[in-house]
Amino acid sequence: LAQAKKHALLIGVAQYDDPSIRSLSGPRNDVILLWRYLTANGFDATDVRVLAEGLPQGPTIPTPFAPPTRAQIIDGLRDLAARAQAGDFVIVHYSGHGTTQPETARSAASSPEAGDRDQVLLPKDAGAYDKEARTIRNGVVDDEIGDALDAIRAKGATVWAIVDACHAGTVTRSGA
C-alpha cells in the first residue's frame, strides 16, 4: 500500500497587471509563513507548489513555481487532482483580492448564489468586468474552484481550502 502524501498549492497575489487593482502587502508574507509551517510539519517541499512573485531569496523562503496567473492557478488545481490519491491530505491556499460578479449560468443541479452573485478570486492577470462575456477578465469563479476541489476529493483525498480574500464566503461552494 502506498503511504498517504501531503500536497499543497500556495497562491499569493500581491501585484496586479491591471493598474486599477490595488497592490497588497500581505500575500507574499502569507505564502512564506505557510510554506515554512508546512515544510516544518511533514510536507515535502517538492509537494508544495508556490504561485507568487517578488519573494525574497533565502534558505527559508520558497522558490515560486510560477507567477499567480489564472492559467497557473487552474493548472495548479488540475495538477493536485492528477497527483492526489485516496488518503492524501491537500491544502489549497489563496491570499489576494476577491470580488463578486453577477452569477453566471449554472447547472440545474447547483443552488443559486447568495444575492445572485458569484465570488471571484483575482489572479495577477485579472482585469475589468467584461459586460459582453459577463465575467471579470481572467477571474477564477467560485464554480471553477468548487469543481477543482471536488475533483481532488473524488480521488479520496481530504482537502482544506484557506482563502484570505474579500467576498470569499462561498468561494468554494454555493451559498445555499
Protein backbone atom coordinates (compact mmCIF):
# COMPACT_ATOMS: atom_id res chain seq x y z
CA LEU A 1 0.00 0.00 0.00
CA ALA A 2 1.31 3.45 -0.87
CA GLN A 3 1.72 5.84 2.02
CA ALA A 4 -0.58 8.87 2.05
CA LYS A 5 1.08 12.08 0.94
CA LYS A 6 0.61 15.74 1.72
CA HIS A 7 0.27 18.24 -1.13
CA ALA A 8 -0.25 22.00 -1.17
CA LEU A 9 -0.87 24.80 -3.63
CA LEU A 10 0.03 28.18 -2.11
CA ILE A 11 -1.13 31.20 -4.11
CA GLY A 12 -0.09 34.73 -3.13
CA VAL A 13 -1.13 37.62 -5.37
CA ALA A 14 0.38 40.93 -4.26
CA GLN A 15 0.89 42.79 -7.56
CA TYR A 16 -1.65 43.00 -10.37
CA ASP A 17 -1.04 43.67 -14.05
CA ASP A 18 -4.07 45.98 -14.18
CA PRO A 19 -3.04 49.27 -12.51
CA SER A 20 -6.61 49.85 -11.31
CA ILE A 21 -6.30 46.85 -8.95
CA ARG A 22 -4.53 47.95 -5.77
CA SER A 23 -1.38 46.09 -4.74
CA LEU A 24 -1.34 44.21 -1.45
CA SER A 25 1.49 43.78 1.05
CA GLY A 26 0.34 40.64 2.89
CA PRO A 27 0.10 37.81 0.32
CA ARG A 28 3.85 37.34 -0.06
CA ASN A 29 4.25 37.08 3.69
CA ASP A 30 1.28 34.68 3.93
CA VAL A 31 2.83 32.32 1.38
CA ILE A 32 6.26 32.40 3.05
CA LEU A 33 4.90 31.76 6.54
CA LEU A 34 2.56 28.96 5.45
CA TRP A 35 5.32 27.31 3.36
CA ARG A 36 7.65 27.42 6.39
CA TYR A 37 4.98 25.90 8.61
CA LEU A 38 4.04 23.14 6.18
CA THR A 39 7.62 22.13 5.35
CA ALA A 40 8.48 22.04 9.06
CA ASN A 41 5.44 19.82 9.73
CA GLY A 42 5.52 16.89 7.35
CA PHE A 43 5.10 18.41 3.88
CA ASP A 44 7.94 17.70 1.48
CA ALA A 45 8.95 20.97 -0.21
CA THR A 46 8.67 19.23 -3.61
CA ASP A 47 4.95 18.64 -2.89
CA VAL A 48 4.24 22.32 -2.17
CA ARG A 49 3.72 24.38 -5.34
CA VAL A 50 4.04 28.13 -4.78
CA LEU A 51 2.49 30.64 -7.18
CA ALA A 52 3.81 34.07 -6.24
CA GLU A 53 6.14 36.84 -7.35
CA GLY A 54 8.58 39.14 -5.64
CA LEU A 55 9.58 36.81 -2.82
CA PRO A 56 12.99 37.45 -1.30
CA GLN A 57 15.59 34.72 -1.72
CA GLY A 58 16.93 32.60 1.10
CA PRO A 59 17.02 29.11 2.59
CA THR A 60 13.76 29.62 4.49
CA ILE A 61 11.93 31.19 1.54
CA PRO A 62 10.15 29.10 -1.13
CA THR A 63 11.18 29.44 -4.74
CA PRO A 64 8.00 30.22 -6.68
CA PHE A 65 6.98 27.72 -9.34
CA ALA A 66 5.35 30.43 -11.48
CA PRO A 67 3.52 33.75 -11.24
CA PRO A 68 -0.05 33.56 -9.88
CA THR A 69 -1.88 33.97 -13.21
CA ARG A 70 -5.25 32.45 -13.99
CA ALA A 71 -3.64 29.80 -16.21
CA GLN A 72 -1.15 28.81 -13.50
CA ILE A 73 -3.84 28.66 -10.79
CA ILE A 74 -6.07 26.44 -12.93
CA ASP A 75 -3.05 24.28 -13.87
CA GLY A 76 -2.04 24.02 -10.21
CA LEU A 77 -5.52 22.82 -9.22
CA ARG A 78 -5.55 20.29 -12.08
CA ASP A 79 -2.10 19.07 -11.05
CA LEU A 80 -3.34 18.49 -7.50
CA ALA A 81 -6.27 16.44 -8.81
CA ALA A 82 -3.92 14.40 -11.00
CA ARG A 83 -1.50 13.67 -8.14
CA ALA A 84 -3.98 13.16 -5.30
CA GLN A 85 -4.66 9.62 -4.13
CA ALA A 86 -7.01 8.11 -1.56
CA GLY A 87 -5.91 9.10 1.92
CA ASP A 88 -3.81 12.10 0.81
CA PHE A 89 -4.14 15.48 2.52
CA VAL A 90 -4.30 18.54 0.26
CA ILE A 91 -4.16 22.23 1.16
CA VAL A 92 -5.14 24.97 -1.28
CA HIS A 93 -4.29 28.46 -0.02
CA TYR A 94 -5.12 31.77 -1.73
CA SER A 95 -4.16 35.20 -0.49
CA GLY A 96 -5.08 38.20 -2.65
CA HIS A 97 -8.07 40.18 -3.83
CA GLY A 98 -11.52 38.69 -4.17
CA THR A 99 -14.70 40.23 -5.51
CA THR A 100 -18.13 39.33 -6.86
CA GLN A 101 -19.79 39.46 -10.25
CA PRO A 102 -23.30 38.72 -11.50
CA GLU A 103 -23.94 35.00 -11.32
CA THR A 104 -23.01 33.12 -14.46
CA ALA A 105 -25.09 30.28 -15.88
CA ARG A 106 -25.24 27.28 -13.57
CA SER A 107 -26.32 23.71 -13.94
CA ALA A 108 -29.80 22.67 -12.87
CA ALA A 109 -28.22 20.68 -10.02
CA SER A 110 -26.46 23.67 -8.45
CA SER A 111 -28.04 26.05 -5.97
CA PRO A 112 -28.45 29.75 -6.64
CA GLU A 113 -25.70 32.00 -5.31
CA ALA A 114 -26.42 34.34 -2.41
CA GLY A 115 -27.59 37.63 -3.89
CA ASP A 116 -27.26 36.13 -7.38
CA ARG A 117 -23.52 36.93 -7.25
CA ASP A 118 -20.55 34.65 -7.96
CA GLN A 119 -17.47 35.02 -5.80
CA VAL A 120 -14.29 35.54 -7.82
CA LEU A 121 -10.61 35.31 -6.91
CA LEU A 122 -8.37 37.72 -8.78
CA PRO A 123 -5.11 36.33 -10.20
CA LYS A 124 -2.32 38.74 -11.15
CA ASP A 125 -3.62 38.97 -14.74
CA ALA A 126 -7.21 39.79 -13.71
CA GLY A 127 -8.86 42.76 -15.34
CA ALA A 128 -12.09 44.67 -15.53
CA TYR A 129 -15.57 43.18 -15.77
CA ASP A 130 -16.40 42.34 -19.38
CA LYS A 131 -20.12 43.05 -19.88
CA GLU A 132 -20.28 41.05 -23.09
CA ALA A 133 -18.62 37.94 -21.63
CA ARG A 134 -20.41 38.56 -18.29
CA THR A 135 -17.29 37.85 -16.25
CA ILE A 136 -14.22 39.50 -14.77
CA ARG A 137 -11.35 39.10 -17.22
CA ASN A 138 -9.21 36.15 -16.06
CA GLY A 139 -11.05 35.87 -12.74
CA VAL A 140 -11.29 32.45 -11.11
CA VAL A 141 -15.00 31.93 -10.39
CA ASP A 142 -16.32 30.03 -7.36
CA ASP A 143 -17.87 27.28 -9.50
CA GLU A 144 -14.46 26.57 -11.09
CA ILE A 145 -12.85 26.38 -7.66
CA GLY A 146 -15.59 24.13 -6.32
CA ASP A 147 -15.29 21.79 -9.32
CA ALA A 148 -11.49 21.63 -8.90
CA LEU A 149 -11.79 20.80 -5.19
CA ASP A 150 -14.47 18.19 -5.98
CA ALA A 151 -12.08 16.54 -8.47
CA ILE A 152 -9.45 16.24 -5.73
CA ARG A 153 -11.96 14.88 -3.19
CA ALA A 154 -13.24 12.39 -5.80
CA LYS A 155 -9.80 10.76 -5.67
CA GLY A 156 -10.33 10.10 -1.94
CA ALA A 157 -8.13 12.93 -0.66
CA THR A 158 -9.03 15.28 2.17
CA VAL A 159 -8.97 18.94 1.07
CA TRP A 160 -8.57 22.07 3.14
CA ALA A 161 -9.12 25.39 1.36
CA ILE A 162 -7.80 28.53 3.04
CA VAL A 163 -8.89 31.76 1.36
CA ASP A 164 -7.75 35.18 2.58
CA ALA A 165 -9.72 37.50 0.30
CA CYS A 166 -12.72 39.79 0.37
CA HIS A 167 -16.01 38.24 -0.76
CA ALA A 168 -14.74 34.72 -0.13
CA GLY A 169 -17.68 33.47 1.92
CA THR A 170 -18.93 30.93 -0.63
CA VAL A 171 -15.91 30.81 -2.93
CA THR A 172 -15.68 27.00 -2.72
CA ARG A 173 -19.40 26.13 -2.82
CA SER A 174 -22.86 27.61 -3.28
CA GLY A 175 -24.33 29.82 -0.58
CA ALA A 176 -27.40 27.64 -0.10
